[in-house]
PDB file of N, CA and C in Angstrom:
ATOM      1  N   MET A   1      29.891  50.309 -24.876  1.00  0.00           N
ATOM      2  CA  MET A   1      30.373  48.935 -24.977  1.00  0.00           C
ATOM      3  C   MET A   1      29.937  48.546 -23.119  1.00  0.00           C
ATOM      4  N   TYR A   2      29.627  49.597 -21.932  1.00  0.00           N
ATOM      5  CA  TYR A   2      29.870  49.576 -21.215  1.00  0.00           C
ATOM      6  C   TYR A   2      28.448  48.766 -20.657  1.00  0.00           C
ATOM      7  N   ILE A   3      27.309  49.564 -21.428  1.00  0.00           N
ATOM      8  CA  ILE A   3      25.992  48.929 -21.656  1.00  0.00           C
ATOM      9  C   ILE A   3      25.879  47.113 -21.944  1.00  0.00           C
ATOM     10  N   PHE A   4      26.374  47.201 -23.209  1.00  0.00           N
ATOM     11  CA  PHE A   4      26.484  45.752 -23.415  1.00  0.00           C
ATOM     12  C   PHE A   4      27.885  44.734 -22.321  1.00  0.00           C
ATOM     13  N   ILE A   5      28.468  44.905 -21.927  1.00  0.00           N
ATOM     14  CA  ILE A   5      29.133  44.741 -20.523  1.00  0.00           C
ATOM     15  C   ILE A   5      28.443  44.192 -19.731  1.00  0.00           C
ATOM     16  N   ARG A   6      27.524  45.358 -18.997  1.00  0.00           N
ATOM     17  CA  ARG A   6      26.255  45.038 -17.671  1.00  0.00           C
ATOM     18  C   ARG A   6      25.944  44.183 -17.955  1.00  0.00           C
ATOM     19  N   TRP A   7      24.735  44.313 -19.116  1.00  0.00           N
ATOM     20  CA  TRP A   7      23.839  43.372 -19.709  1.00  0.00           C
ATOM     21  C   TRP A   7      23.996  42.335 -19.914  1.00  0.00           C
ATOM     22  N   PHE A   8      25.033  41.673 -20.570  1.00  0.00           N
ATOM     23  CA  PHE A   8      26.015  40.227 -20.478  1.00  0.00           C
ATOM     24  C   PHE A   8      26.143  39.862 -18.574  1.00  0.00           C
ATOM     25  N   VAL A   9      26.473  40.622 -17.905  1.00  0.00           N
ATOM     26  CA  VAL A   9      27.055  39.899 -16.411  1.00  0.00           C
ATOM     27  C   VAL A   9      25.344  40.010 -15.949  1.00  0.00           C
ATOM     28  N   LEU A  10      24.407  40.755 -16.277  1.00  0.00           N
ATOM     29  CA  LEU A  10      23.268  40.923 -15.320  1.00  0.00           C
ATOM     30  C   LEU A  10      22.515  39.686 -16.144  1.00  0.00           C
ATOM     31  N   SER A  11      22.731  39.154 -17.270  1.00  0.00           N
ATOM     32  CA  SER A  11      22.034  37.863 -17.887  1.00  0.00           C
ATOM     33  C   SER A  11      23.001  36.766 -17.195  1.00  0.00           C
ATOM     34  N   LEU A  12      24.266  36.775 -16.875  1.00  0.00           N
ATOM     35  CA  LEU A  12      24.827  35.355 -15.555  1.00  0.00           C
ATOM     36  C   LEU A  12      23.928  35.612 -14.651  1.00  0.00           C
ATOM     37  N   ILE A  13      24.150  36.686 -14.284  1.00  0.00           N
ATOM     38  CA  ILE A  13      23.368  36.368 -12.461  1.00  0.00           C
ATOM     39  C   ILE A  13      22.314  36.098 -12.841  1.00  0.00           C
ATOM     40  N   LEU A  14      21.234  36.325 -13.594  1.00  0.00           N
ATOM     41  CA  LEU A  14      20.152  35.623 -14.027  1.00  0.00           C
ATOM     42  C   LEU A  14      20.283  33.961 -14.294  1.00  0.00           C
ATOM     43  N   MET A  15      20.880  33.464 -14.805  1.00  0.00           N
ATOM     44  CA  MET A  15      21.224  32.439 -14.980  1.00  0.00           C
ATOM     45  C   MET A  15      21.810  31.856 -13.469  1.00  0.00           C
ATOM     46  N   PHE A  16      22.295  32.729 -13.131  1.00  0.00           N
ATOM     47  CA  PHE A  16      22.985  31.884 -11.250  1.00  0.00           C
ATOM     48  C   PHE A  16      22.108  31.977 -10.644  1.00  0.00           C
ATOM     49  N   VAL A  17      20.878  32.719 -10.393  1.00  0.00           N
ATOM     50  CA  VAL A  17      19.864  32.949  -9.872  1.00  0.00           C
ATOM     51  C   VAL A  17      18.738  31.566  -9.662  1.00  0.00           C
ATOM     52  N   ALA A  18      18.868  30.985 -11.508  1.00  0.00           N
ATOM     53  CA  ALA A  18      18.242  30.188 -11.912  1.00  0.00           C
ATOM     54  C   ALA A  18      18.748  28.503 -11.716  1.00  0.00           C
ATOM     55  N   TRP A  19      20.177  28.690 -11.249  1.00  0.00           N
ATOM     56  CA  TRP A  19      20.875  27.520 -11.106  1.00  0.00           C
ATOM     57  C   TRP A  19      20.268  27.473  -9.660  1.00  0.00           C
ATOM     58  N   ILE A  20      20.483  28.289  -8.690  1.00  0.00           N
ATOM     59  CA  ILE A  20      20.442  28.378  -7.115  1.00  0.00           C
ATOM     60  C   ILE A  20      18.910  27.475  -6.549  1.00  0.00           C
ATOM     61  N   LEU A  21      18.176  28.251  -7.341  1.00  0.00           N
ATOM     62  CA  LEU A  21      16.773  28.489  -6.788  1.00  0.00           C
ATOM     63  C   LEU A  21      16.067  27.542  -7.905  1.00  0.00           C
ATOM     64  N   PRO A  22      15.367  26.074  -7.150  1.00  0.00           N
ATOM     65  CA  PRO A  22      14.884  25.190  -8.270  1.00  0.00           C
ATOM     66  C   PRO A  22      13.479  25.807  -8.785  1.00  0.00           C
ATOM     67  N   ASP A  23      12.824  26.748  -8.062  1.00  0.00           N
ATOM     68  CA  ASP A  23      11.685  27.043  -8.633  1.00  0.00           C
ATOM     69  C   ASP A  23      11.880  28.565  -9.676  1.00  0.00           C
ATOM     70  N   VAL A  24      13.068  28.776 -10.075  1.00  0.00           N
ATOM     71  CA  VAL A  24      13.231  29.641 -11.166  1.00  0.00           C
ATOM     72  C   VAL A  24      14.170  29.220 -11.998  1.00  0.00           C
ATOM     73  N   GLU A  25      13.465  29.126 -13.383  1.00  0.00           N
ATOM     74  CA  GLU A  25      14.152  28.329 -14.607  1.00  0.00           C
ATOM     75  C   GLU A  25      14.250  29.523 -15.839  1.00  0.00           C
ATOM     76  N   VAL A  26      15.688  29.298 -16.367  1.00  0.00           N
ATOM     77  CA  VAL A  26      16.165  29.837 -17.439  1.00  0.00           C
ATOM     78  C   VAL A  26      16.659  29.061 -18.571  1.00  0.00           C
ATOM     79  N   ASN A  27      15.824  28.715 -19.375  1.00  0.00           N
ATOM     80  CA  ASN A  27      15.884  27.645 -20.368  1.00  0.00           C
ATOM     81  C   ASN A  27      17.395  28.321 -21.072  1.00  0.00           C
ATOM     82  N   ASN A  28      17.614  29.270 -21.929  1.00  0.00           N
ATOM     83  CA  ASN A  28      18.625  29.359 -22.833  1.00  0.00           C
ATOM     84  C   ASN A  28      19.366  30.471 -22.179  1.00  0.00           C
ATOM     85  N   ILE A  29      20.501  30.780 -23.012  1.00  0.00           N
ATOM     86  CA  ILE A  29      21.279  32.135 -22.609  1.00  0.00           C
ATOM     87  C   ILE A  29      20.121  33.440 -23.277  1.00  0.00           C
ATOM     88  N   LEU A  30      19.477  33.287 -24.398  1.00  0.00           N
ATOM     89  CA  LEU A  30      18.737  34.148 -25.360  1.00  0.00           C
ATOM     90  C   LEU A  30      17.714  34.582 -24.549  1.00  0.00           C
ATOM     91  N   ALA A  31      17.153  33.455 -23.722  1.00  0.00           N
ATOM     92  CA  ALA A  31      16.291  33.824 -22.463  1.00  0.00           C
ATOM     93  C   ALA A  31      16.724  34.698 -21.548  1.00  0.00           C
ATOM     94  N   ALA A  32      17.901  34.158 -20.984  1.00  0.00           N
ATOM     95  CA  ALA A  32      18.345  35.202 -20.133  1.00  0.00           C
ATOM     96  C   ALA A  32      18.414  36.540 -19.927  1.00  0.00           C
ATOM     97  N   PHE A  33      19.055  36.300 -21.717  1.00  0.00           N
ATOM     98  CA  PHE A  33      18.907  38.037 -22.496  1.00  0.00           C
ATOM     99  C   PHE A  33      18.333  39.074 -22.865  1.00  0.00           C
ATOM    100  N   VAL A  34      17.016  38.001 -22.765  1.00  0.00           N
ATOM    101  CA  VAL A  34      15.552  38.487 -23.221  1.00  0.00           C
ATOM    102  C   VAL A  34      15.061  39.217 -21.975  1.00  0.00           C
ATOM    103  N   ALA A  35      15.229  38.338 -20.501  1.00  0.00           N
ATOM    104  CA  ALA A  35      14.446  38.817 -19.935  1.00  0.00           C
ATOM    105  C   ALA A  35      15.297  40.012 -18.856  1.00  0.00           C
ATOM    106  N   THR A  36      16.864  39.997 -19.352  1.00  0.00           N
ATOM    107  CA  THR A  36      17.406  40.787 -18.401  1.00  0.00           C
ATOM    108  C   THR A  36      17.099  42.176 -19.393  1.00  0.00           C
ATOM    109  N   PHE A  37      16.462  41.872 -20.031  1.00  0.00           N
ATOM    110  CA  PHE A  37      16.377  43.620 -21.201  1.00  0.00           C
ATOM    111  C   PHE A  37      14.750  43.922 -20.636  1.00  0.00           C
ATOM    112  N   MET A  38      14.099  43.069 -20.724  1.00  0.00           N
ATOM    113  CA  MET A  38      12.438  43.070 -20.257  1.00  0.00           C
ATOM    114  C   MET A  38      12.829  43.556 -18.393  1.00  0.00           C
ATOM    115  N   PHE A  39      13.303  43.072 -17.965  1.00  0.00           N
ATOM    116  CA  PHE A  39      13.752  43.792 -16.283  1.00  0.00           C
ATOM    117  C   PHE A  39      13.682  45.043 -16.232  1.00  0.00           C
ATOM    118  N   SER A  40      14.767  45.238 -17.211  1.00  0.00           N
ATOM    119  CA  SER A  40      15.082  46.859 -16.969  1.00  0.00           C
ATOM    120  C   SER A  40      14.415  47.654 -17.818  1.00  0.00           C
ATOM    121  N   VAL A  41      13.449  47.277 -18.710  1.00  0.00           N
ATOM    122  CA  VAL A  41      12.428  47.944 -19.131  1.00  0.00           C
ATOM    123  C   VAL A  41      11.511  48.261 -18.092  1.00  0.00           C
ATOM    124  N   VAL A  42      10.375  47.255 -17.565  1.00  0.00           N
ATOM    125  CA  VAL A  42       9.894  47.330 -16.298  1.00  0.00           C
ATOM    126  C   VAL A  42      10.411  47.804 -15.313  1.00  0.00           C
ATOM    127  N   ASN A  43      11.427  48.051 -14.965  1.00  0.00           N
ATOM    128  CA  ASN A  43      12.152  48.787 -14.018  1.00  0.00           C
ATOM    129  C   ASN A  43      12.181  50.359 -14.534  1.00  0.00           C
ATOM    130  N   ILE A  44      12.380  50.919 -15.422  1.00  0.00           N
ATOM    131  CA  ILE A  44      12.396  51.811 -15.954  1.00  0.00           C
ATOM    132  C   ILE A  44      11.200  52.453 -16.062  1.00  0.00           C
ATOM    133  N   PHE A  45       9.946  51.827 -16.456  1.00  0.00           N
ATOM    134  CA  PHE A  45       8.670  52.228 -16.786  1.00  0.00           C
ATOM    135  C   PHE A  45       7.871  51.970 -15.842  1.00  0.00           C
ATOM    136  N   ILE A  46       7.534  50.878 -15.644  1.00  0.00           N
ATOM    137  CA  ILE A  46       6.566  50.516 -14.851  1.00  0.00           C
ATOM    138  C   ILE A  46       6.671  50.558 -13.055  1.00  0.00           C
ATOM    139  N   LYS A  47       7.866  50.304 -13.278  1.00  0.00           N
ATOM    140  CA  LYS A  47       7.896  50.594 -11.353  1.00  0.00           C
ATOM    141  C   LYS A  47       8.112  51.990 -10.862  1.00  0.00           C
ATOM    142  N   PRO A  48       8.336  52.837 -11.152  1.00  0.00           N
ATOM    143  CA  PRO A  48       8.004  54.273 -10.363  1.00  0.00           C
ATOM    144  C   PRO A  48       6.749  54.399 -10.595  1.00  0.00           C
ATOM    145  N   VAL A  49       5.549  53.732 -11.380  1.00  0.00           N
ATOM    146  CA  VAL A  49       4.606  54.248 -11.443  1.00  0.00           C
ATOM    147  C   VAL A  49       3.666  53.478 -10.040  1.00  0.00           C
ATOM    148  N   LEU A  50       4.155  51.999  -9.585  1.00  0.00           N
ATOM    149  CA  LEU A  50       3.796  51.231  -8.966  1.00  0.00           C
ATOM    150  C   LEU A  50       3.957  51.661  -7.589  1.00  0.00           C
ATOM    151  N   ILE A  51       5.315  52.528  -6.939  1.00  0.00           N
ATOM    152  CA  ILE A  51       6.507  53.032  -6.119  1.00  0.00           C
ATOM    153  C   ILE A  51       4.893  54.301  -5.714  1.00  0.00           C
ATOM    154  N   LEU A  52       4.891  54.965  -6.857  1.00  0.00           N
ATOM    155  CA  LEU A  52       3.923  56.126  -6.235  1.00  0.00           C
ATOM    156  C   LEU A  52       2.115  55.647  -5.551  1.00  0.00           C
ATOM    157  N   LEU A  53       1.847  54.778  -6.469  1.00  0.00           N
ATOM    158  CA  LEU A  53       0.673  54.260  -6.327  1.00  0.00           C
ATOM    159  C   LEU A  53       0.931  53.663  -4.637  1.00  0.00           C
ATOM    160  N   THR A  54       1.796  52.971  -4.508  1.00  0.00           N
ATOM    161  CA  THR A  54       1.485  52.492  -2.926  1.00  0.00           C
ATOM    162  C   THR A  54       2.591  53.200  -1.952  1.00  0.00           C
ATOM    163  N   ILE A  55       2.355  54.349  -2.001  1.00  0.00           N
ATOM    164  CA  ILE A  55       3.367  55.264  -0.888  1.00  0.00           C
ATOM    165  C   ILE A  55       2.902  55.189   0.554  1.00  0.00           C
ATOM    166  N   PRO A  56       1.195  54.849   0.193  1.00  0.00           N
ATOM    167  CA  PRO A  56       0.875  54.915   1.791  1.00  0.00           C
ATOM    168  C   PRO A  56       1.291  53.525   2.413  1.00  0.00           C
ATOM    169  N   ILE A  57       0.968  52.583   1.521  1.00  0.00           N
ATOM    170  CA  ILE A  57       1.760  50.929   2.232  1.00  0.00           C
ATOM    171  C   ILE A  57       3.075  50.938   2.651  1.00  0.00           C
ATOM    172  N   ASN A  58       3.968  51.403   1.621  1.00  0.00           N
ATOM    173  CA  ASN A  58       5.397  51.701   1.927  1.00  0.00           C
ATOM    174  C   ASN A  58       5.843  52.238   2.929  1.00  0.00           C
ATOM    175  N   ILE A  59       4.796  53.617   3.396  1.00  0.00           N
ATOM    176  CA  ILE A  59       5.353  54.318   5.062  1.00  0.00           C
ATOM    177  C   ILE A  59       5.146  53.002   5.734  1.00  0.00           C
ATOM    178  N   LEU A  60       3.735  52.525   5.577  1.00  0.00           N
ATOM    179  CA  LEU A  60       3.109  51.562   6.878  1.00  0.00           C
ATOM    180  C   LEU A  60       4.177  50.545   6.992  1.00  0.00           C
ATOM    181  N   THR A  61       4.755  50.142   5.948  1.00  0.00           N
ATOM    182  CA  THR A  61       6.029  49.251   6.366  1.00  0.00           C
ATOM    183  C   THR A  61       6.877  49.447   6.134  1.00  0.00           C
ATOM    184  N   LEU A  62       7.611  50.796   6.399  1.00  0.00           N
ATOM    185  CA  LEU A  62       8.823  51.127   6.588  1.00  0.00           C
ATOM    186  C   LEU A  62       9.442  50.660   5.424  1.00  0.00           C
ATOM    187  N   GLY A  63       8.941  50.260   4.176  1.00  0.00           N
ATOM    188  CA  GLY A  63       9.631  50.285   3.107  1.00  0.00           C
ATOM    189  C   GLY A  63       9.528  49.059   2.402  1.00  0.00           C
ATOM    190  N   LEU A  64       9.459  47.881   3.266  1.00  0.00           N
ATOM    191  CA  LEU A  64       9.318  46.555   3.072  1.00  0.00           C
ATOM    192  C   LEU A  64       8.528  46.157   2.478  1.00  0.00           C
ATOM    193  N   PHE A  65       7.090  46.711   1.509  1.00  0.00           N
ATOM    194  CA  PHE A  65       6.317  46.549   0.699  1.00  0.00           C
ATOM    195  C   PHE A  65       7.129  46.751  -0.475  1.00  0.00           C
ATOM    196  N   MET A  66       8.418  46.883  -0.824  1.00  0.00           N
ATOM    197  CA  MET A  66       9.489  47.334  -2.175  1.00  0.00           C
ATOM    198  C   MET A  66       9.753  45.985  -2.195  1.00  0.00           C
ATOM    199  N   LEU A  67      10.163  44.835  -1.674  1.00  0.00           N
ATOM    200  CA  LEU A  67      10.232  43.673  -2.064  1.00  0.00           C
ATOM    201  C   LEU A  67       9.394  42.790  -2.710  1.00  0.00           C
ATOM    202  N   VAL A  68       8.006  42.987  -2.308  1.00  0.00           N
ATOM    203  CA  VAL A  68       7.051  42.918  -3.078  1.00  0.00           C
ATOM    204  C   VAL A  68       6.615  43.041  -4.376  1.00  0.00           C
ATOM    205  N   ILE A  69       6.893  44.398  -4.489  1.00  0.00           N
ATOM    206  CA  ILE A  69       7.000  44.847  -5.718  1.00  0.00           C
ATOM    207  C   ILE A  69       8.148  44.720  -6.704  1.00  0.00           C
ATOM    208  N   ASN A  70       8.910  44.372  -6.182  1.00  0.00           N
ATOM    209  CA  ASN A  70      10.282  44.179  -6.748  1.00  0.00           C
ATOM    210  C   ASN A  70       9.992  41.776  -6.928  1.00  0.00           C
ATOM    211  N   ALA A  71       9.276  41.408  -5.953  1.00  0.00           N
ATOM    212  CA  ALA A  71       8.646  40.282  -6.448  1.00  0.00           C
ATOM    213  C   ALA A  71       7.934  40.079  -7.928  1.00  0.00           C
ATOM    214  N   VAL A  72       6.825  40.725  -7.517  1.00  0.00           N
ATOM    215  CA  VAL A  72       5.890  40.818  -8.501  1.00  0.00           C
ATOM    216  C   VAL A  72       6.032  41.382  -9.889  1.00  0.00           C
ATOM    217  N   LEU A  73       7.206  42.535  -9.961  1.00  0.00           N
ATOM    218  CA  LEU A  73       7.830  42.581 -11.216  1.00  0.00           C
ATOM    219  C   LEU A  73       9.001  41.803 -11.654  1.00  0.00           C
ATOM    220  N   PHE A  74       9.386  40.579 -11.029  1.00  0.00           N
ATOM    221  CA  PHE A  74      10.278  39.980 -11.330  1.00  0.00           C
ATOM    222  C   PHE A  74       9.221  38.461 -11.925  1.00  0.00           C
ATOM    223  N   ALA A  75       8.180  38.402 -11.395  1.00  0.00           N
ATOM    224  CA  ALA A  75       7.289  37.440 -11.893  1.00  0.00           C
ATOM    225  C   ALA A  75       6.481  37.747 -13.076  1.00  0.00           C
ATOM    226  N   PHE A  76       6.430  39.310 -13.264  1.00  0.00           N
ATOM    227  CA  PHE A  76       5.699  39.714 -14.643  1.00  0.00           C
ATOM    228  C   PHE A  76       6.558  39.462 -15.811  1.00  0.00           C
ATOM    229  N   VAL A  77       8.059  39.527 -15.323  1.00  0.00           N
ATOM    230  CA  VAL A  77       8.555  39.434 -16.539  1.00  0.00           C
ATOM    231  C   VAL A  77       9.035  37.756 -16.744  1.00  0.00           C
ATOM    232  N   ALA A  78       8.523  37.058 -15.529  1.00  0.00           N
ATOM    233  CA  ALA A  78       8.419  35.811 -16.260  1.00  0.00           C
ATOM    234  C   ALA A  78       7.729  35.504 -16.674  1.00  0.00           C
ATOM    235  N   TRP A  79       6.352  35.914 -17.043  1.00  0.00           N
ATOM    236  CA  TRP A  79       5.115  36.074 -17.455  1.00  0.00           C
ATOM    237  C   TRP A  79       5.517  36.347 -18.871  1.00  0.00           C
ATOM    238  N   LEU A  80       5.502  37.169 -18.875  1.00  0.00           N
ATOM    239  CA  LEU A  80       6.307  38.071 -20.187  1.00  0.00           C
ATOM    240  C   LEU A  80       7.180  37.134 -20.989  1.00  0.00           C
ATOM    241  N   VAL A  81       8.421  36.641 -20.973  1.00  0.00           N
ATOM    242  CA  VAL A  81       9.604  36.261 -21.841  1.00  0.00           C
ATOM    243  C   VAL A  81       9.428  34.603 -21.738  1.00  0.00           C
ATOM    244  N   PRO A  82       9.108  34.373 -23.210  1.00  0.00           N
ATOM    245  CA  PRO A  82       9.150  32.837 -22.471  1.00  0.00           C
ATOM    246  C   PRO A  82      10.564  32.078 -22.384  1.00  0.00           C
ATOM    247  N   GLY A  83      10.568  31.199 -21.986  1.00  0.00           N
ATOM    248  CA  GLY A  83      11.826  30.369 -21.603  1.00  0.00           C
ATOM    249  C   GLY A  83      12.628  31.027 -20.457  1.00  0.00           C
ATOM    250  N   PHE A  84      11.840  31.772 -19.576  1.00  0.00           N
ATOM    251  CA  PHE A  84      12.226  32.722 -18.214  1.00  0.00           C
ATOM    252  C   PHE A  84      10.674  32.040 -17.549  1.00  0.00           C
ATOM    253  N   GLU A  85      10.977  31.319 -16.794  1.00  0.00           N
ATOM    254  CA  GLU A  85       9.779  30.818 -15.326  1.00  0.00           C
ATOM    255  C   GLU A  85      10.090  31.206 -14.036  1.00  0.00           C
ATOM    256  N   VAL A  86       8.930  31.309 -12.860  1.00  0.00           N
ATOM    257  CA  VAL A  86       9.109  31.329 -11.934  1.00  0.00           C
ATOM    258  C   VAL A  86       7.770  30.774 -11.606  1.00  0.00           C
ATOM    259  N   ASP A  87       7.867  29.583 -10.458  1.00  0.00           N
ATOM    260  CA  ASP A  87       6.695  28.884  -9.906  1.00  0.00           C
ATOM    261  C   ASP A  87       6.226  28.835  -8.217  1.00  0.00           C
ATOM    262  N   GLY A  88       5.812  30.381  -8.285  1.00  0.00           N
ATOM    263  CA  GLY A  88       5.362  30.668  -7.220  1.00  0.00           C
ATOM    264  C   GLY A  88       6.016  32.221  -6.740  1.00  0.00           C
ATOM    265  N   PHE A  89       5.667  32.426  -5.414  1.00  0.00           N
ATOM    266  CA  PHE A  89       5.625  34.098  -5.002  1.00  0.00           C
ATOM    267  C   PHE A  89       7.183  34.247  -4.290  1.00  0.00           C
ATOM    268  N   LEU A  90       7.032  32.933  -3.308  1.00  0.00           N
ATOM    269  CA  LEU A  90       8.240  33.044  -2.525  1.00  0.00           C
ATOM    270  C   LEU A  90       9.385  32.955  -3.943  1.00  0.00           C
ATOM    271  N   ALA A  91       9.598  31.952  -5.300  1.00  0.00           N
ATOM    272  CA  ALA A  91      10.564  32.029  -5.633  1.00  0.00           C
ATOM    273  C   ALA A  91      10.889  33.209  -6.611  1.00  0.00           C
ATOM    274  N   ALA A  92       9.596  34.202  -6.587  1.00  0.00           N
ATOM    275  CA  ALA A  92       9.824  35.578  -6.763  1.00  0.00           C
ATOM    276  C   ALA A  92      10.309  36.073  -5.813  1.00  0.00           C
ATOM    277  N   LEU A  93      10.348  36.329  -4.760  1.00  0.00           N
ATOM    278  CA  LEU A  93      10.624  37.126  -3.797  1.00  0.00           C
ATOM    279  C   LEU A  93      12.237  36.985  -3.537  1.00  0.00           C
ATOM    280  N   LEU A  94      12.319  35.476  -3.627  1.00  0.00           N
ATOM    281  CA  LEU A  94      13.894  35.098  -3.155  1.00  0.00           C
ATOM    282  C   LEU A  94      14.543  35.363  -4.791  1.00  0.00           C
ATOM    283  N   GLY A  95      14.569  35.090  -5.592  1.00  0.00           N
ATOM    284  CA  GLY A  95      14.412  35.620  -6.764  1.00  0.00           C
ATOM    285  C   GLY A  95      15.124  37.259  -6.957  1.00  0.00           C
ATOM    286  N   SER A  96      14.026  37.924  -6.594  1.00  0.00           N
ATOM    287  CA  SER A  96      13.990  39.110  -7.058  1.00  0.00           C
ATOM    288  C   SER A  96      15.523  39.620  -6.043  1.00  0.00           C
ATOM    289  N   MET A  97      15.220  38.981  -4.970  1.00  0.00           N
ATOM    290  CA  MET A  97      16.030  39.564  -3.809  1.00  0.00           C
ATOM    291  C   MET A  97      17.587  39.281  -4.178  1.00  0.00           C
ATOM    292  N   ILE A  98      17.608  38.149  -4.417  1.00  0.00           N
ATOM    293  CA  ILE A  98      19.593  37.748  -5.398  1.00  0.00           C
ATOM    294  C   ILE A  98      19.991  38.230  -5.956  1.00  0.00           C
ATOM    295  N   PHE A  99      18.875  38.331  -7.175  1.00  0.00           N
ATOM    296  CA  PHE A  99      19.286  39.535  -8.295  1.00  0.00           C
ATOM    297  C   PHE A  99      19.566  40.594  -7.917  1.00  0.00           C
ATOM    298  N   SER A 100      18.742  41.384  -7.334  1.00  0.00           N
ATOM    299  CA  SER A 100      19.015  42.666  -7.046  1.00  0.00           C
ATOM    300  C   SER A 100      20.011  42.468  -6.254  1.00  0.00           C
ATOM    301  N   LEU A 101      20.623  42.367  -5.200  1.00  0.00           N
ATOM    302  CA  LEU A 101      21.897  42.238  -4.349  1.00  0.00           C
ATOM    303  C   LEU A 101      23.041  41.943  -5.372  1.00  0.00           C
ATOM    304  N   MET A 102      23.026  40.631  -5.885  1.00  0.00           N
ATOM    305  CA  MET A 102      24.565  40.669  -6.977  1.00  0.00           C
ATOM    306  C   MET A 102      24.529  41.627  -7.731  1.00  0.00           C
ATOM    307  N   SER A 103      23.305  42.310  -8.344  1.00  0.00           N
ATOM    308  CA  SER A 103      23.195  43.247  -9.187  1.00  0.00           C
ATOM    309  C   SER A 103      24.370  44.317  -9.160  1.00  0.00           C
ATOM    310  N   VAL A 104      24.006  44.931  -7.528  1.00  0.00           N
ATOM    311  CA  VAL A 104      24.347  46.100  -6.824  1.00  0.00           C
ATOM    312  C   VAL A 104      25.703  45.714  -6.628  1.00  0.00           C
ATOM    313  N   PHE A 105      26.224  44.401  -6.091  1.00  0.00           N
ATOM    314  CA  PHE A 105      27.957  44.480  -5.874  1.00  0.00           C
ATOM    315  C   PHE A 105      28.249  44.005  -6.768  1.00  0.00           C
ATOM    316  N   VAL A 106      27.615  43.578  -8.392  1.00  0.00           N
ATOM    317  CA  VAL A 106      28.378  43.378  -9.883  1.00  0.00           C
ATOM    318  C   VAL A 106      28.875  44.297 -10.337  1.00  0.00           C
ATOM    319  N   CYS A 107      27.453  44.836 -10.685  1.00  0.00           N
ATOM    320  CA  CYS A 107      27.683  46.324 -11.536  1.00  0.00           C
ATOM    321  C   CYS A 107      27.780  47.709 -10.819  1.00  0.00           C
ATOM    322  N   ILE A 108      29.006  47.989 -10.609  1.00  0.00           N
ATOM    323  CA  ILE A 108      28.926  49.014  -9.481  1.00  0.00           C
ATOM    324  C   ILE A 108      29.751  50.074 -10.422  1.00  0.00           C
TER     325      ILE A 108
END
């Protein structure tokens, strides 16, 4: 039951991010549910591989390259899910930062 509540709350956070940022668009709640699910799948399977591949640049940038990885994954999920759109890298960067920060504070 906790997983479904967390999924619902993360979907609401994604809708809030789309409401705040004009370049991030979520058409309906179903698209938010699918995007949240896909974002979880991408974070489980693709993100660790990207982190391992970019260890040298992460060391050089003192971990700030992780923001770029999160933005790329946020844009990738927007590319995968119909009804969830991100226009530009800056919108993906800001959207991923807001989504990550809010999910940390809300879903503890």
